[in-house]
PDB file of N, CA and C in Angstrom:
ATOM      1  N   MET A   1      69.959 248.205 -71.702  1.00  0.00           N
ATOM      2  CA  MET A   1      70.472 246.879 -71.929  1.00  0.00           C
ATOM      3  C   MET A   1      70.791 246.194 -70.607  1.00  0.00           C
ATOM      4  N   THR A   2      71.183 246.975 -69.611  1.00  0.00           N
ATOM      5  CA  THR A   2      71.528 246.397 -68.315  1.00  0.00           C
ATOM      6  C   THR A   2      70.319 245.749 -67.660  1.00  0.00           C
ATOM      7  N   PHE A   3      69.144 246.371 -67.787  1.00  0.00           N
ATOM      8  CA  PHE A   3      67.941 245.807 -67.181  1.00  0.00           C
ATOM      9  C   PHE A   3      67.556 244.481 -67.830  1.00  0.00           C
ATOM     10  N   ILE A   4      67.718 244.399 -69.142  1.00  0.00           N
ATOM     11  CA  ILE A   4      67.386 243.167 -69.849  1.00  0.00           C
ATOM     12  C   ILE A   4      68.332 242.049 -69.430  1.00  0.00           C
ATOM     13  N   ALA A   5      69.617 242.361 -69.353  1.00  0.00           N
ATOM     14  CA  ALA A   5      70.591 241.348 -68.934  1.00  0.00           C
ATOM     15  C   ALA A   5      70.342 240.941 -67.486  1.00  0.00           C
ATOM     16  N   GLY A   6      70.038 241.903 -66.631  1.00  0.00           N
ATOM     17  CA  GLY A   6      69.758 241.583 -65.228  1.00  0.00           C
ATOM     18  C   GLY A   6      68.535 240.705 -65.077  1.00  0.00           C
ATOM     19  N   SER A   7      67.487 240.984 -65.834  1.00  0.00           N
ATOM     20  CA  SER A   7      66.290 240.144 -65.748  1.00  0.00           C
ATOM     21  C   SER A   7      66.555 238.753 -66.297  1.00  0.00           C
ATOM     22  N   ALA A   8      67.412 238.656 -67.308  1.00  0.00           N
ATOM     23  CA  ALA A   8      67.760 237.343 -67.848  1.00  0.00           C
ATOM     24  C   ALA A   8      68.540 236.533 -66.824  1.00  0.00           C
ATOM     25  N   PHE A   9      69.493 237.160 -66.142  1.00  0.00           N
ATOM     26  CA  PHE A   9      70.264 236.451 -65.125  1.00  0.00           C
ATOM     27  C   PHE A   9      69.386 236.038 -63.957  1.00  0.00           C
ATOM     28  N   LEU A  10      68.461 236.908 -63.567  1.00  0.00           N
ATOM     29  CA  LEU A  10      67.540 236.568 -62.488  1.00  0.00           C
ATOM     30  C   LEU A  10      66.634 235.414 -62.889  1.00  0.00           C
ATOM     31  N   SER A  11      66.142 235.424 -64.114  1.00  0.00           N
ATOM     32  CA  SER A  11      65.289 234.334 -64.596  1.00  0.00           C
ATOM     33  C   SER A  11      66.040 233.017 -64.637  1.00  0.00           C
ATOM     34  N   VAL A  12      67.273 233.050 -65.108  1.00  0.00           N
ATOM     35  CA  VAL A  12      68.084 231.832 -65.141  1.00  0.00           C
ATOM     36  C   VAL A  12      68.314 231.328 -63.726  1.00  0.00           C
ATOM     37  N   SER A  13      68.617 232.226 -62.811  1.00  0.00           N
ATOM     38  CA  SER A  13      68.875 231.840 -61.426  1.00  0.00           C
ATOM     39  C   SER A  13      67.639 231.206 -60.779  1.00  0.00           C
ATOM     40  N   ILE A  14      66.479 231.805 -60.967  1.00  0.00           N
ATOM     41  CA  ILE A  14      65.239 231.268 -60.389  1.00  0.00           C
ATOM     42  C   ILE A  14      64.893 229.922 -61.005  1.00  0.00           C
ATOM     43  N   ALA A  15      65.025 229.812 -62.322  1.00  0.00           N
ATOM     44  CA  ALA A  15      64.687 228.554 -62.993  1.00  0.00           C
ATOM     45  C   ALA A  15      65.598 227.430 -62.541  1.00  0.00           C
ATOM     46  N   LEU A  16      66.888 227.684 -62.459  1.00  0.00           N
ATOM     47  CA  LEU A  16      67.809 226.630 -62.061  1.00  0.00           C
ATOM     48  C   LEU A  16      67.707 226.304 -60.573  1.00  0.00           C
ATOM     49  N   ASN A  17      67.348 227.286 -59.745  1.00  0.00           N
ATOM     50  CA  ASN A  17      67.098 226.986 -58.335  1.00  0.00           C
ATOM     51  C   ASN A  17      65.877 226.088 -58.184  1.00  0.00           C
ATOM     52  N   ALA A  18      64.908 226.267 -59.059  1.00  0.00           N
ATOM     53  CA  ALA A  18      63.688 225.465 -58.972  1.00  0.00           C
ATOM     54  C   ALA A  18      63.926 224.015 -59.371  1.00  0.00           C
ATOM     55  N   ILE A  19      64.859 223.767 -60.291  1.00  0.00           N
ATOM     56  CA  ILE A  19      65.057 222.392 -60.753  1.00  0.00           C
ATOM     57  C   ILE A  19      66.279 221.710 -60.146  1.00  0.00           C
ATOM     58  N   SER A  20      67.118 222.459 -59.441  1.00  0.00           N
ATOM     59  CA  SER A  20      68.287 221.836 -58.821  1.00  0.00           C
ATOM     60  C   SER A  20      68.132 221.855 -57.305  1.00  0.00           C
ATOM     61  N   LEU A  21      68.932 221.059 -56.640  1.00  0.00           N
ATOM     62  CA  LEU A  21      68.829 220.942 -55.189  1.00  0.00           C
ATOM     63  C   LEU A  21      69.873 221.781 -54.464  1.00  0.00           C
ATOM     64  N   HIS A  22      70.776 222.416 -55.171  1.00  0.00           N
ATOM     65  CA  HIS A  22      71.791 223.233 -54.517  1.00  0.00           C
ATOM     66  C   HIS A  22      72.104 224.455 -55.366  1.00  0.00           C
ATOM     67  N   ALA A  23      72.725 225.455 -54.748  1.00  0.00           N
ATOM     68  CA  ALA A  23      72.952 226.730 -55.421  1.00  0.00           C
ATOM     69  C   ALA A  23      74.216 226.740 -56.274  1.00  0.00           C
ATOM     70  N   THR A  24      75.134 225.819 -56.081  1.00  0.00           N
ATOM     71  CA  THR A  24      76.381 225.829 -56.846  1.00  0.00           C
ATOM     72  C   THR A  24      76.111 225.663 -58.332  1.00  0.00           C
ATOM     73  N   CYS A  25      75.254 224.748 -58.683  1.00  0.00           N
ATOM     74  CA  CYS A  25      74.901 224.511 -60.082  1.00  0.00           C
ATOM     75  C   CYS A  25      74.313 225.784 -60.695  1.00  0.00           C
ATOM     76  N   THR A  26      73.461 226.451 -59.956  1.00  0.00           N
ATOM     77  CA  THR A  26      72.827 227.670 -60.441  1.00  0.00           C
ATOM     78  C   THR A  26      73.855 228.747 -60.716  1.00  0.00           C
ATOM     79  N   GLN A  27      74.801 228.929 -59.828  1.00  0.00           N
ATOM     80  CA  GLN A  27      75.806 229.964 -60.001  1.00  0.00           C
ATOM     81  C   GLN A  27      76.677 229.692 -61.223  1.00  0.00           C
ATOM     82  N   VAL A  28      77.008 228.448 -61.455  1.00  0.00           N
ATOM     83  CA  VAL A  28      77.823 228.105 -62.622  1.00  0.00           C
ATOM     84  C   VAL A  28      77.061 228.425 -63.907  1.00  0.00           C
ATOM     85  N   TYR A  29      75.788 228.058 -63.990  1.00  0.00           N
ATOM     86  CA  TYR A  29      75.015 228.345 -65.191  1.00  0.00           C
ATOM     87  C   TYR A  29      74.785 229.835 -65.392  1.00  0.00           C
ATOM     88  N   VAL A  30      74.643 230.594 -64.314  1.00  0.00           N
ATOM     89  CA  VAL A  30      74.486 232.041 -64.449  1.00  0.00           C
ATOM     90  C   VAL A  30      75.776 232.659 -64.989  1.00  0.00           C
ATOM     91  N   VAL A  31      76.923 232.161 -64.555  1.00  0.00           N
ATOM     92  CA  VAL A  31      78.198 232.663 -65.075  1.00  0.00           C
ATOM     93  C   VAL A  31      78.338 232.310 -66.557  1.00  0.00           C
ATOM     94  N   VAL A  32      77.919 231.116 -66.941  1.00  0.00           N
ATOM     95  CA  VAL A  32      77.944 230.742 -68.361  1.00  0.00           C
ATOM     96  C   VAL A  32      77.018 231.673 -69.158  1.00  0.00           C
ATOM     97  N   GLY A  33      75.827 231.969 -68.617  1.00  0.00           N
ATOM     98  CA  GLY A  33      74.920 232.914 -69.270  1.00  0.00           C
ATOM     99  C   GLY A  33      75.521 234.303 -69.369  1.00  0.00           C
ATOM    100  N   LEU A  34      76.252 234.706 -68.342  1.00  0.00           N
ATOM    101  CA  LEU A  34      76.927 235.999 -68.357  1.00  0.00           C
ATOM    102  C   LEU A  34      77.968 236.060 -69.464  1.00  0.00           C
ATOM    103  N   ILE A  35      78.736 235.006 -69.619  1.00  0.00           N
ATOM    104  CA  ILE A  35      79.764 234.975 -70.665  1.00  0.00           C
ATOM    105  C   ILE A  35      79.126 235.018 -72.052  1.00  0.00           C
ATOM    106  N   ILE A  36      78.049 234.257 -72.236  1.00  0.00           N
ATOM    107  CA  ILE A  36      77.353 234.266 -73.534  1.00  0.00           C
ATOM    108  C   ILE A  36      76.758 235.641 -73.816  1.00  0.00           C
ATOM    109  N   CYS A  37      76.139 236.240 -72.806  1.00  0.00           N
ATOM    110  CA  CYS A  37      75.549 237.572 -72.984  1.00  0.00           C
ATOM    111  C   CYS A  37      76.629 238.610 -73.290  1.00  0.00           C
ATOM    112  N   PHE A  38      77.758 238.514 -72.602  1.00  0.00           N
ATOM    113  CA  PHE A  38      78.854 239.444 -72.866  1.00  0.00           C
ATOM    114  C   PHE A  38      79.373 239.289 -74.288  1.00  0.00           C
ATOM    115  N   ALA A  39      79.489 238.052 -74.747  1.00  0.00           N
ATOM    116  CA  ALA A  39      79.973 237.810 -76.111  1.00  0.00           C
ATOM    117  C   ALA A  39      78.993 238.366 -77.142  1.00  0.00           C
ATOM    118  N   LEU A  40      77.696 238.176 -76.903  1.00  0.00           N
ATOM    119  CA  LEU A  40      76.706 238.688 -77.850  1.00  0.00           C
ATOM    120  C   LEU A  40      76.573 240.207 -77.769  1.00  0.00           C
ATOM    121  N   ALA A  41      76.783 240.774 -76.589  1.00  0.00           N
ATOM    122  CA  ALA A  41      76.658 242.223 -76.416  1.00  0.00           C
ATOM    123  C   ALA A  41      77.839 242.969 -77.019  1.00  0.00           C
ATOM    124  N   SER A  42      78.938 242.277 -77.267  1.00  0.00           N
ATOM    125  CA  SER A  42      80.112 242.949 -77.821  1.00  0.00           C
ATOM    126  C   SER A  42      80.054 243.099 -79.339  1.00  0.00           C
ATOM    127  N   ILE A  43      78.992 242.602 -79.962  1.00  0.00           N
ATOM    128  CA  ILE A  43      78.826 242.784 -81.410  1.00  0.00           C
ATOM    129  C   ILE A  43      78.574 244.262 -81.669  1.00  0.00           C
ATOM    130  N   GLN A  44      79.353 244.846 -82.568  1.00  0.00           N
ATOM    131  CA  GLN A  44      79.316 246.291 -82.765  1.00  0.00           C
ATOM    132  C   GLN A  44      78.317 246.759 -83.824  1.00  0.00           C
ATOM    133  N   THR A  45      77.875 245.891 -84.699  1.00  0.00           N
ATOM    134  CA  THR A  45      76.967 246.344 -85.748  1.00  0.00           C
ATOM    135  C   THR A  45      75.526 246.055 -85.351  1.00  0.00           C
ATOM    136  N   LEU A  46      74.665 247.000 -85.587  1.00  0.00           N
ATOM    137  CA  LEU A  46      73.254 246.838 -85.232  1.00  0.00           C
ATOM    138  C   LEU A  46      72.548 245.839 -86.142  1.00  0.00           C
ATOM    139  N   ASP A  47      73.085 245.605 -87.311  1.00  0.00           N
ATOM    140  CA  ASP A  47      72.476 244.654 -88.232  1.00  0.00           C
ATOM    141  C   ASP A  47      72.471 243.245 -87.631  1.00  0.00           C
ATOM    142  N   ARG A  48      73.537 242.858 -86.984  1.00  0.00           N
ATOM    143  CA  ARG A  48      73.624 241.527 -86.388  1.00  0.00           C
ATOM    144  C   ARG A  48      72.866 241.446 -85.065  1.00  0.00           C
ATOM    145  N   VAL A  49      72.768 242.546 -84.371  1.00  0.00           N
ATOM    146  CA  VAL A  49      72.087 242.553 -83.077  1.00  0.00           C
ATOM    147  C   VAL A  49      70.574 242.414 -83.244  1.00  0.00           C
ATOM    148  N   SER A  50      70.039 242.858 -84.381  1.00  0.00           N
ATOM    149  CA  SER A  50      68.585 242.802 -84.571  1.00  0.00           C
ATOM    150  C   SER A  50      68.061 241.371 -84.532  1.00  0.00           C
ATOM    151  N   TYR A  51      68.833 240.417 -85.021  1.00  0.00           N
ATOM    152  CA  TYR A  51      68.400 239.014 -84.970  1.00  0.00           C
ATOM    153  C   TYR A  51      68.357 238.513 -83.532  1.00  0.00           C
ATOM    154  N   ILE A  52      69.310 238.933 -82.738  1.00  0.00           N
ATOM    155  CA  ILE A  52      69.326 238.545 -81.322  1.00  0.00           C
ATOM    156  C   ILE A  52      68.121 239.155 -80.610  1.00  0.00           C
ATOM    157  N   GLY A  53      67.740 240.360 -80.987  1.00  0.00           N
ATOM    158  CA  GLY A  53      66.563 241.001 -80.397  1.00  0.00           C
ATOM    159  C   GLY A  53      65.278 240.234 -80.687  1.00  0.00           C
ATOM    160  N   TRP A  54      65.166 239.722 -81.914  1.00  0.00           N
ATOM    161  CA  TRP A  54      63.987 238.934 -82.263  1.00  0.00           C
ATOM    162  C   TRP A  54      63.933 237.636 -81.453  1.00  0.00           C
ATOM    163  N   VAL A  55      65.080 237.032 -81.230  1.00  0.00           N
ATOM    164  CA  VAL A  55      65.123 235.820 -80.402  1.00  0.00           C
ATOM    165  C   VAL A  55      64.699 236.147 -78.975  1.00  0.00           C
ATOM    166  N   GLY A  56      65.182 237.257 -78.441  1.00  0.00           N
ATOM    167  CA  GLY A  56      64.797 237.679 -77.092  1.00  0.00           C
ATOM    168  C   GLY A  56      63.317 237.988 -76.988  1.00  0.00           C
ATOM    169  N   LEU A  57      62.773 238.701 -77.973  1.00  0.00           N
ATOM    170  CA  LEU A  57      61.348 239.023 -77.966  1.00  0.00           C
ATOM    171  C   LEU A  57      60.499 237.762 -78.025  1.00  0.00           C
ATOM    172  N   THR A  58      60.893 236.828 -78.879  1.00  0.00           N
ATOM    173  CA  THR A  58      60.146 235.577 -78.997  1.00  0.00           C
ATOM    174  C   THR A  58      60.173 234.791 -77.697  1.00  0.00           C
ATOM    175  N   SER A  59      61.321 234.741 -77.044  1.00  0.00           N
ATOM    176  CA  SER A  59      61.404 233.990 -75.791  1.00  0.00           C
ATOM    177  C   SER A  59      60.577 234.641 -74.683  1.00  0.00           C
ATOM    178  N   ILE A  60      60.520 235.958 -74.642  1.00  0.00           N
ATOM    179  CA  ILE A  60      59.701 236.643 -73.632  1.00  0.00           C
ATOM    180  C   ILE A  60      58.220 236.379 -73.881  1.00  0.00           C
ATOM    181  N   VAL A  61      57.784 236.448 -75.153  1.00  0.00           N
ATOM    182  CA  VAL A  61      56.374 236.187 -75.470  1.00  0.00           C
ATOM    183  C   VAL A  61      56.000 234.745 -75.128  1.00  0.00           C
ATOM    184  N   VAL A  62      56.882 233.798 -75.443  1.00  0.00           N
ATOM    185  CA  VAL A  62      56.611 232.400 -75.118  1.00  0.00           C
ATOM    186  C   VAL A  62      56.534 232.202 -73.600  1.00  0.00           C
ATOM    187  N   ALA A  63      57.413 232.858 -72.852  1.00  0.00           N
ATOM    188  CA  ALA A  63      57.388 232.737 -71.394  1.00  0.00           C
ATOM    189  C   ALA A  63      56.095 233.303 -70.806  1.00  0.00           C
ATOM    190  N   VAL A  64      55.650 234.455 -71.304  1.00  0.00           N
ATOM    191  CA  VAL A  64      54.413 235.047 -70.796  1.00  0.00           C
ATOM    192  C   VAL A  64      53.212 234.168 -71.143  1.00  0.00           C
ATOM    193  N   LEU A  65      53.163 233.647 -72.368  1.00  0.00           N
ATOM    194  CA  LEU A  65      52.062 232.763 -72.757  1.00  0.00           C
ATOM    195  C   LEU A  65      52.065 231.473 -71.943  1.00  0.00           C
ATOM    196  N   THR A  66      53.239 230.907 -71.692  1.00  0.00           N
ATOM    197  CA  THR A  66      53.330 229.694 -70.884  1.00  0.00           C
ATOM    198  C   THR A  66      52.809 229.929 -69.479  1.00  0.00           C
ATOM    199  N   LEU A  67      53.207 231.035 -68.874  1.00  0.00           N
ATOM    200  CA  LEU A  67      52.728 231.363 -67.530  1.00  0.00           C
ATOM    201  C   LEU A  67      51.225 231.596 -67.520  1.00  0.00           C
ATOM    202  N   THR A  68      50.719 232.325 -68.494  1.00  0.00           N
ATOM    203  CA  THR A  68      49.287 232.615 -68.555  1.00  0.00           C
ATOM    204  C   THR A  68      48.470 231.342 -68.719  1.00  0.00           C
ATOM    205  N   ILE A  69      48.894 230.464 -69.597  1.00  0.00           N
ATOM    206  CA  ILE A  69      48.161 229.219 -69.820  1.00  0.00           C
ATOM    207  C   ILE A  69      48.242 228.319 -68.598  1.00  0.00           C
ATOM    208  N   SER A  70      49.413 228.226 -67.971  1.00  0.00           N
ATOM    209  CA  SER A  70      49.540 227.349 -66.809  1.00  0.00           C
ATOM    210  C   SER A  70      48.715 227.840 -65.629  1.00  0.00           C
ATOM    211  N   VAL A  71      48.611 229.146 -65.443  1.00  0.00           N
ATOM    212  CA  VAL A  71      47.770 229.672 -64.374  1.00  0.00           C
ATOM    213  C   VAL A  71      46.293 229.470 -64.710  1.00  0.00           C
ATOM    214  N   GLY A  72      45.949 229.594 -65.976  1.00  0.00           N
ATOM    215  CA  GLY A  72      44.553 229.449 -66.384  1.00  0.00           C
ATOM    216  C   GLY A  72      44.024 228.033 -66.269  1.00  0.00           C
ATOM    217  N   VAL A  73      44.865 227.036 -66.486  1.00  0.00           N
ATOM    218  CA  VAL A  73      44.394 225.655 -66.444  1.00  0.00           C
ATOM    219  C   VAL A  73      44.600 224.997 -65.082  1.00  0.00           C
ATOM    220  N   GLU A  74      45.225 225.713 -64.144  1.00  0.00           N
ATOM    221  CA  GLU A  74      45.434 225.153 -62.808  1.00  0.00           C
ATOM    222  C   GLU A  74      44.081 224.894 -62.146  1.00  0.00           C
ATOM    223  N   ASP A  75      43.924 223.716 -61.607  1.00  0.00           N
ATOM    224  CA  ASP A  75      42.642 223.342 -61.029  1.00  0.00           C
ATOM    225  C   ASP A  75      42.431 223.987 -59.659  1.00  0.00           C
ATOM    226  N   ARG A  76      43.250 223.652 -58.717  1.00  0.00           N
ATOM    227  CA  ARG A  76      43.069 224.135 -57.359  1.00  0.00           C
ATOM    228  C   ARG A  76      44.424 224.137 -56.661  1.00  0.00           C
ATOM    229  N   PRO A  77      44.858 225.287 -56.116  1.00  0.00           N
ATOM    230  CA  PRO A  77      46.144 225.302 -55.427  1.00  0.00           C
ATOM    231  C   PRO A  77      46.099 224.490 -54.135  1.00  0.00           C
ATOM    232  N   ALA A  78      47.264 224.123 -53.651  1.00  0.00           N
ATOM    233  CA  ALA A  78      47.339 223.297 -52.445  1.00  0.00           C
ATOM    234  C   ALA A  78      46.788 224.025 -51.221  1.00  0.00           C
ATOM    235  N   ALA A  79      46.870 225.355 -51.195  1.00  0.00           N
ATOM    236  CA  ALA A  79      46.395 226.112 -50.037  1.00  0.00           C
ATOM    237  C   ALA A  79      44.872 226.306 -50.043  1.00  0.00           C
ATOM    238  N   ALA A  80      44.214 226.029 -51.159  1.00  0.00           N
ATOM    239  CA  ALA A  80      42.755 226.193 -51.243  1.00  0.00           C
ATOM    240  C   ALA A  80      42.070 225.020 -50.555  1.00  0.00           C
ATOM    241  N   PRO A  81      40.840 225.232 -50.071  1.00  0.00           N
ATOM    242  CA  PRO A  81      40.097 224.106 -49.489  1.00  0.00           C
ATOM    243  C   PRO A  81      39.935 222.989 -50.521  1.00  0.00           C
ATOM    244  N   GLN A  82      40.160 221.748 -50.104  1.00  0.00           N
ATOM    245  CA  GLN A  82      40.143 220.623 -51.041  1.00  0.00           C
ATOM    246  C   GLN A  82      38.738 220.098 -51.330  1.00  0.00           C
ATOM    247  N   THR A  83      37.751 220.535 -50.581  1.00  0.00           N
ATOM    248  CA  THR A  83      36.368 220.102 -50.822  1.00  0.00           C
ATOM    249  C   THR A  83      35.495 221.321 -51.047  1.00  0.00           C
ATOM    250  N   GLY A  84      34.413 221.116 -51.764  1.00  0.00           N
ATOM    251  CA  GLY A  84      33.458 222.190 -52.009  1.00  0.00           C
ATOM    252  C   GLY A  84      33.868 223.066 -53.171  1.00  0.00           C
ATOM    253  N   PRO A  85      32.993 224.003 -53.549  1.00  0.00           N
ATOM    254  CA  PRO A  85      33.306 224.882 -54.679  1.00  0.00           C
ATOM    255  C   PRO A  85      34.425 225.863 -54.326  1.00  0.00           C
ATOM    256  N   TRP A  86      35.206 226.196 -55.333  1.00  0.00           N
ATOM    257  CA  TRP A  86      36.293 227.151 -55.160  1.00  0.00           C
ATOM    258  C   TRP A  86      36.330 228.075 -56.358  1.00  0.00           C
ATOM    259  N   ASP A  87      36.344 229.379 -56.085  1.00  0.00           N
ATOM    260  CA  ASP A  87      36.378 230.368 -57.160  1.00  0.00           C
ATOM    261  C   ASP A  87      37.783 230.953 -57.261  1.00  0.00           C
ATOM    262  N   LYS A  88      38.281 231.101 -58.470  1.00  0.00           N
ATOM    263  CA  LYS A  88      39.634 231.621 -58.664  1.00  0.00           C
ATOM    264  C   LYS A  88      39.729 233.121 -58.380  1.00  0.00           C
ATOM    265  N   ASP A  89      38.617 233.816 -58.344  1.00  0.00           N
ATOM    266  CA  ASP A  89      38.583 235.260 -58.111  1.00  0.00           C
ATOM    267  C   ASP A  89      39.446 236.021 -59.117  1.00  0.00           C
ATOM    268  N   LEU A  90      39.346 235.674 -60.397  1.00  0.00           N
ATOM    269  CA  LEU A  90      40.070 236.374 -61.439  1.00  0.00           C
ATOM    270  C   LEU A  90      39.309 237.626 -61.835  1.00  0.00           C
ATOM    271  N   VAL A  91      40.008 238.737 -61.926  1.00  0.00           N
ATOM    272  CA  VAL A  91      39.390 240.002 -62.311  1.00  0.00           C
ATOM    273  C   VAL A  91      40.166 240.559 -63.506  1.00  0.00           C
ATOM    274  N   LEU A  92      39.500 240.769 -64.621  1.00  0.00           N
ATOM    275  CA  LEU A  92      40.129 241.362 -65.792  1.00  0.00           C
ATOM    276  C   LEU A  92      39.885 242.858 -65.779  1.00  0.00           C
ATOM    277  N   LEU A  93      40.961 243.606 -65.936  1.00  0.00           N
ATOM    278  CA  LEU A  93      40.838 245.055 -65.891  1.00  0.00           C
ATOM    279  C   LEU A  93      40.796 245.629 -67.263  1.00  0.00           C
TER     280      LEU A  93
END
């Protein structure tokens, strides 16, 4: 459970750093996320926790699909040559 909470806090921190111009806002939202996670983690019955697990699973799947689609439809990164053909060099294993 600690790894899941840690990855959630890291994701919140990265996302808020990307959309805000300073770190204070990010730290406040991470603390709010910590309080919410602590409140949800203190539920003692597994019956109620299973619904929270489904919400977490759905959000992870949506995040992975969003990243995959956004990388797939990206035309050309800023570091790539702006003229001539460019190959993405994607390799499926």
